[in-house]
N, C-alpha and C. Protein backbone atom coordinates (compact mmCIF):
# COMPACT_ATOMS: atom_id res chain seq x y z
N MET A 1 118.11 42.96 66.99
CA MET A 1 116.71 43.22 67.17
C MET A 1 115.95 42.07 66.55
N SER A 2 114.93 41.61 67.20
CA SER A 2 114.12 40.54 66.63
C SER A 2 112.65 40.78 66.91
N ILE A 3 111.83 40.20 66.07
CA ILE A 3 110.39 40.21 66.29
C ILE A 3 110.04 38.78 66.65
N HIS A 4 109.61 38.55 67.87
CA HIS A 4 109.38 37.20 68.33
C HIS A 4 108.04 36.63 67.90
N SER A 5 107.08 37.46 67.63
CA SER A 5 105.78 36.93 67.24
C SER A 5 105.03 37.94 66.39
N LEU A 6 104.78 37.57 65.15
CA LEU A 6 103.90 38.34 64.27
C LEU A 6 102.64 37.49 64.11
N GLN A 7 101.50 38.03 64.53
CA GLN A 7 100.32 37.19 64.63
C GLN A 7 99.29 37.43 63.53
N LYS A 8 99.50 38.41 62.69
CA LYS A 8 98.54 38.67 61.62
C LYS A 8 99.16 38.27 60.29
N ARG A 9 98.30 37.99 59.32
CA ARG A 9 98.81 37.71 57.98
C ARG A 9 99.52 38.92 57.41
N VAL A 10 98.95 40.08 57.63
CA VAL A 10 99.59 41.33 57.22
C VAL A 10 99.64 42.22 58.44
N ALA A 11 100.83 42.54 58.88
CA ALA A 11 101.02 43.43 60.01
C ALA A 11 101.71 44.69 59.52
N THR A 12 101.27 45.84 60.00
CA THR A 12 101.95 47.08 59.67
C THR A 12 103.03 47.30 60.73
N VAL A 13 104.25 47.47 60.26
CA VAL A 13 105.39 47.65 61.15
C VAL A 13 105.98 49.03 60.90
N LYS A 14 106.24 49.75 61.96
CA LYS A 14 106.91 51.04 61.85
C LYS A 14 108.28 50.90 62.50
N LEU A 15 109.31 51.21 61.76
CA LEU A 15 110.68 51.06 62.24
C LEU A 15 111.36 52.41 62.20
N GLY A 16 112.02 52.77 63.27
CA GLY A 16 112.80 54.00 63.33
C GLY A 16 114.23 53.69 63.73
N ILE A 17 115.18 54.28 63.03
CA ILE A 17 116.58 54.10 63.39
C ILE A 17 117.28 55.46 63.36
N ILE A 18 118.29 55.60 64.17
CA ILE A 18 119.12 56.80 64.16
C ILE A 18 120.48 56.37 63.64
N CYS A 19 120.96 57.02 62.60
CA CYS A 19 122.20 56.58 61.99
C CYS A 19 123.04 57.75 61.51
N HIS A 20 124.28 57.44 61.19
CA HIS A 20 125.26 58.45 60.82
C HIS A 20 126.21 57.85 59.80
N TYR A 21 126.62 58.62 58.86
CA TYR A 21 127.61 58.24 57.87
C TYR A 21 128.95 58.00 58.54
N SER A 22 129.68 56.99 58.09
CA SER A 22 131.05 56.80 58.56
C SER A 22 131.98 56.82 57.35
N THR A 23 133.26 56.78 57.59
CA THR A 23 134.20 56.81 56.47
C THR A 23 134.20 55.53 55.68
N SER A 24 133.67 54.44 56.25
CA SER A 24 133.69 53.17 55.53
C SER A 24 132.31 52.66 55.11
N VAL A 25 131.24 53.26 55.61
CA VAL A 25 129.88 52.83 55.27
C VAL A 25 129.03 54.06 54.97
N ASN A 26 128.36 54.08 53.80
CA ASN A 26 127.52 55.24 53.50
C ASN A 26 126.05 54.91 53.32
N ASP A 27 125.67 53.63 53.33
CA ASP A 27 124.28 53.20 53.25
C ASP A 27 124.10 51.95 54.11
N VAL A 28 122.85 51.64 54.39
CA VAL A 28 122.53 50.40 55.10
C VAL A 28 121.20 49.88 54.55
N THR A 29 121.13 48.57 54.30
CA THR A 29 119.89 47.94 53.89
C THR A 29 119.30 47.22 55.10
N VAL A 30 118.00 47.38 55.29
CA VAL A 30 117.31 46.75 56.41
C VAL A 30 116.37 45.68 55.83
N ARG A 31 116.43 44.50 56.46
CA ARG A 31 115.60 43.38 56.02
C ARG A 31 114.84 42.81 57.21
N LEU A 32 113.62 42.36 56.96
CA LEU A 32 112.85 41.59 57.94
C LEU A 32 112.63 40.23 57.32
N PHE A 33 113.15 39.18 57.98
CA PHE A 33 113.10 37.87 57.36
C PHE A 33 112.96 36.77 58.41
N LYS A 34 112.67 35.57 57.93
CA LYS A 34 112.60 34.39 58.79
C LYS A 34 114.02 34.00 59.18
N HIS A 35 114.26 33.81 60.47
CA HIS A 35 115.61 33.59 60.98
C HIS A 35 116.10 32.14 60.82
N VAL A 36 115.26 31.25 60.33
CA VAL A 36 115.66 29.87 60.07
C VAL A 36 115.34 29.54 58.62
N SER A 37 115.98 28.50 58.10
CA SER A 37 115.78 28.10 56.72
C SER A 37 114.29 27.88 56.46
N PRO A 38 113.76 28.41 55.38
CA PRO A 38 114.40 28.90 54.16
C PRO A 38 114.63 30.42 54.12
N TYR A 39 114.67 31.12 55.24
CA TYR A 39 115.00 32.55 55.33
C TYR A 39 114.09 33.42 54.46
N THR A 40 112.80 33.18 54.56
CA THR A 40 111.79 33.89 53.79
C THR A 40 111.76 35.37 54.17
N ALA A 41 111.66 36.23 53.19
CA ALA A 41 111.51 37.67 53.44
C ALA A 41 110.08 37.94 53.87
N TYR A 42 109.90 38.68 54.97
CA TYR A 42 108.57 39.04 55.45
C TYR A 42 108.16 40.44 55.03
N ALA A 43 109.05 41.17 54.43
CA ALA A 43 108.76 42.53 53.95
C ALA A 43 109.82 42.88 52.91
N PRO A 44 109.54 43.85 52.07
CA PRO A 44 110.56 44.27 51.10
C PRO A 44 111.78 44.88 51.81
N ASP A 45 112.97 44.63 51.28
CA ASP A 45 114.17 45.30 51.79
C ASP A 45 114.05 46.79 51.52
N PHE A 46 114.67 47.59 52.36
CA PHE A 46 114.77 49.01 52.05
C PHE A 46 116.14 49.51 52.46
N THR A 47 116.61 50.51 51.73
CA THR A 47 117.95 51.04 51.94
C THR A 47 117.87 52.45 52.48
N VAL A 48 118.66 52.71 53.51
CA VAL A 48 118.76 54.04 54.10
C VAL A 48 120.04 54.68 53.56
N ASN A 49 119.91 55.84 52.95
CA ASN A 49 121.06 56.60 52.49
C ASN A 49 121.53 57.49 53.63
N LEU A 50 122.68 57.15 54.18
CA LEU A 50 123.19 57.86 55.33
C LEU A 50 123.79 59.20 54.91
N GLY A 51 123.63 60.19 55.76
CA GLY A 51 124.18 61.52 55.50
C GLY A 51 125.43 61.76 56.32
N THR A 52 125.95 62.96 56.25
CA THR A 52 127.18 63.29 56.96
C THR A 52 126.90 63.75 58.39
N SER A 53 125.64 63.80 58.78
CA SER A 53 125.29 64.13 60.16
C SER A 53 124.27 63.12 60.64
N TRP A 54 124.02 63.10 61.95
CA TRP A 54 123.05 62.18 62.52
C TRP A 54 121.67 62.46 61.95
N LEU A 55 120.93 61.40 61.66
CA LEU A 55 119.57 61.56 61.19
C LEU A 55 118.70 60.46 61.75
N THR A 56 117.43 60.75 61.86
CA THR A 56 116.45 59.74 62.26
C THR A 56 115.68 59.35 61.02
N PHE A 57 115.63 58.07 60.75
CA PHE A 57 114.95 57.56 59.58
C PHE A 57 113.82 56.67 60.06
N THR A 58 112.62 56.88 59.55
CA THR A 58 111.50 56.01 59.89
C THR A 58 110.84 55.53 58.61
N THR A 59 110.31 54.34 58.68
CA THR A 59 109.57 53.79 57.56
C THR A 59 108.45 52.92 58.11
N GLU A 60 107.43 52.76 57.34
CA GLU A 60 106.31 51.91 57.71
C GLU A 60 106.05 50.98 56.54
N PHE A 61 105.85 49.70 56.83
CA PHE A 61 105.64 48.74 55.76
C PHE A 61 104.71 47.63 56.24
N ASN A 62 104.14 46.91 55.30
CA ASN A 62 103.28 45.77 55.61
C ASN A 62 104.06 44.49 55.43
N THR A 63 103.89 43.56 56.36
CA THR A 63 104.55 42.27 56.26
C THR A 63 103.84 41.40 55.24
N THR A 64 104.55 40.40 54.74
CA THR A 64 104.01 39.46 53.75
C THR A 64 104.60 38.07 54.02
N SER A 65 104.17 37.10 53.25
CA SER A 65 104.77 35.76 53.16
C SER A 65 104.54 34.85 54.35
N PHE A 66 103.50 35.06 55.12
CA PHE A 66 103.15 34.08 56.14
C PHE A 66 101.64 34.08 56.34
N SER A 67 101.13 32.92 56.78
CA SER A 67 99.69 32.77 56.94
C SER A 67 99.28 32.39 58.35
N SER A 68 100.25 32.28 59.26
CA SER A 68 99.96 31.99 60.66
C SER A 68 100.97 32.73 61.52
N THR A 69 100.90 32.56 62.84
CA THR A 69 101.81 33.23 63.75
C THR A 69 103.26 32.91 63.40
N VAL A 70 104.10 33.93 63.43
CA VAL A 70 105.52 33.79 63.12
C VAL A 70 106.31 34.05 64.39
N ASN A 71 107.22 33.15 64.73
CA ASN A 71 108.01 33.28 65.95
C ASN A 71 109.50 33.46 65.71
N GLU A 72 109.90 33.62 64.45
CA GLU A 72 111.32 33.70 64.18
C GLU A 72 111.69 34.85 63.24
N GLY A 73 110.94 35.95 63.32
CA GLY A 73 111.25 37.10 62.48
C GLY A 73 112.43 37.89 63.03
N ARG A 74 113.32 38.33 62.16
CA ARG A 74 114.49 39.11 62.55
C ARG A 74 114.70 40.28 61.61
N PHE A 75 115.18 41.39 62.18
CA PHE A 75 115.66 42.50 61.38
C PHE A 75 117.16 42.30 61.15
N GLN A 76 117.60 42.57 59.95
CA GLN A 76 119.02 42.54 59.63
C GLN A 76 119.41 43.90 59.09
N PHE A 77 120.49 44.44 59.62
CA PHE A 77 121.04 45.71 59.14
C PHE A 77 122.28 45.36 58.35
N TRP A 78 122.18 45.43 57.02
CA TRP A 78 123.20 44.92 56.11
C TRP A 78 124.07 46.06 55.61
N LEU A 79 125.33 46.06 56.04
CA LEU A 79 126.27 47.12 55.68
C LEU A 79 127.23 46.70 54.59
N SER A 80 127.47 45.43 54.45
CA SER A 80 128.53 44.90 53.60
C SER A 80 128.55 45.43 52.16
N PRO A 81 127.43 45.51 51.45
CA PRO A 81 127.51 45.95 50.06
C PRO A 81 127.97 47.42 49.92
N PHE A 82 127.93 48.16 51.01
CA PHE A 82 128.20 49.59 50.93
C PHE A 82 129.53 50.00 51.56
N THR A 83 130.31 49.03 52.00
CA THR A 83 131.56 49.37 52.68
C THR A 83 132.69 49.62 51.68
N THR A 84 133.66 50.39 52.11
CA THR A 84 134.86 50.63 51.32
C THR A 84 136.07 50.23 52.13
N ALA A 85 137.12 49.86 51.44
CA ALA A 85 138.35 49.44 52.15
C ALA A 85 139.13 50.64 52.67
């Protein structure tokens, strides 16, 4: 998933995901950041605590760290810190 153009200095973004606990992953961190160096964060990271059944998680946040149109924003769903062998 990517955001190709953020045109305001502060944009309110609402993100919804449907997720489920697995035997190897129990949480996921979501990041919105610049997809090219220096990989600036455009919003605070947030972590979704996954349950044992399907759930819909929504959050709303304000973007930061840019002063003109942004064309390289990306969402990252980071599972690695929460995985088990």
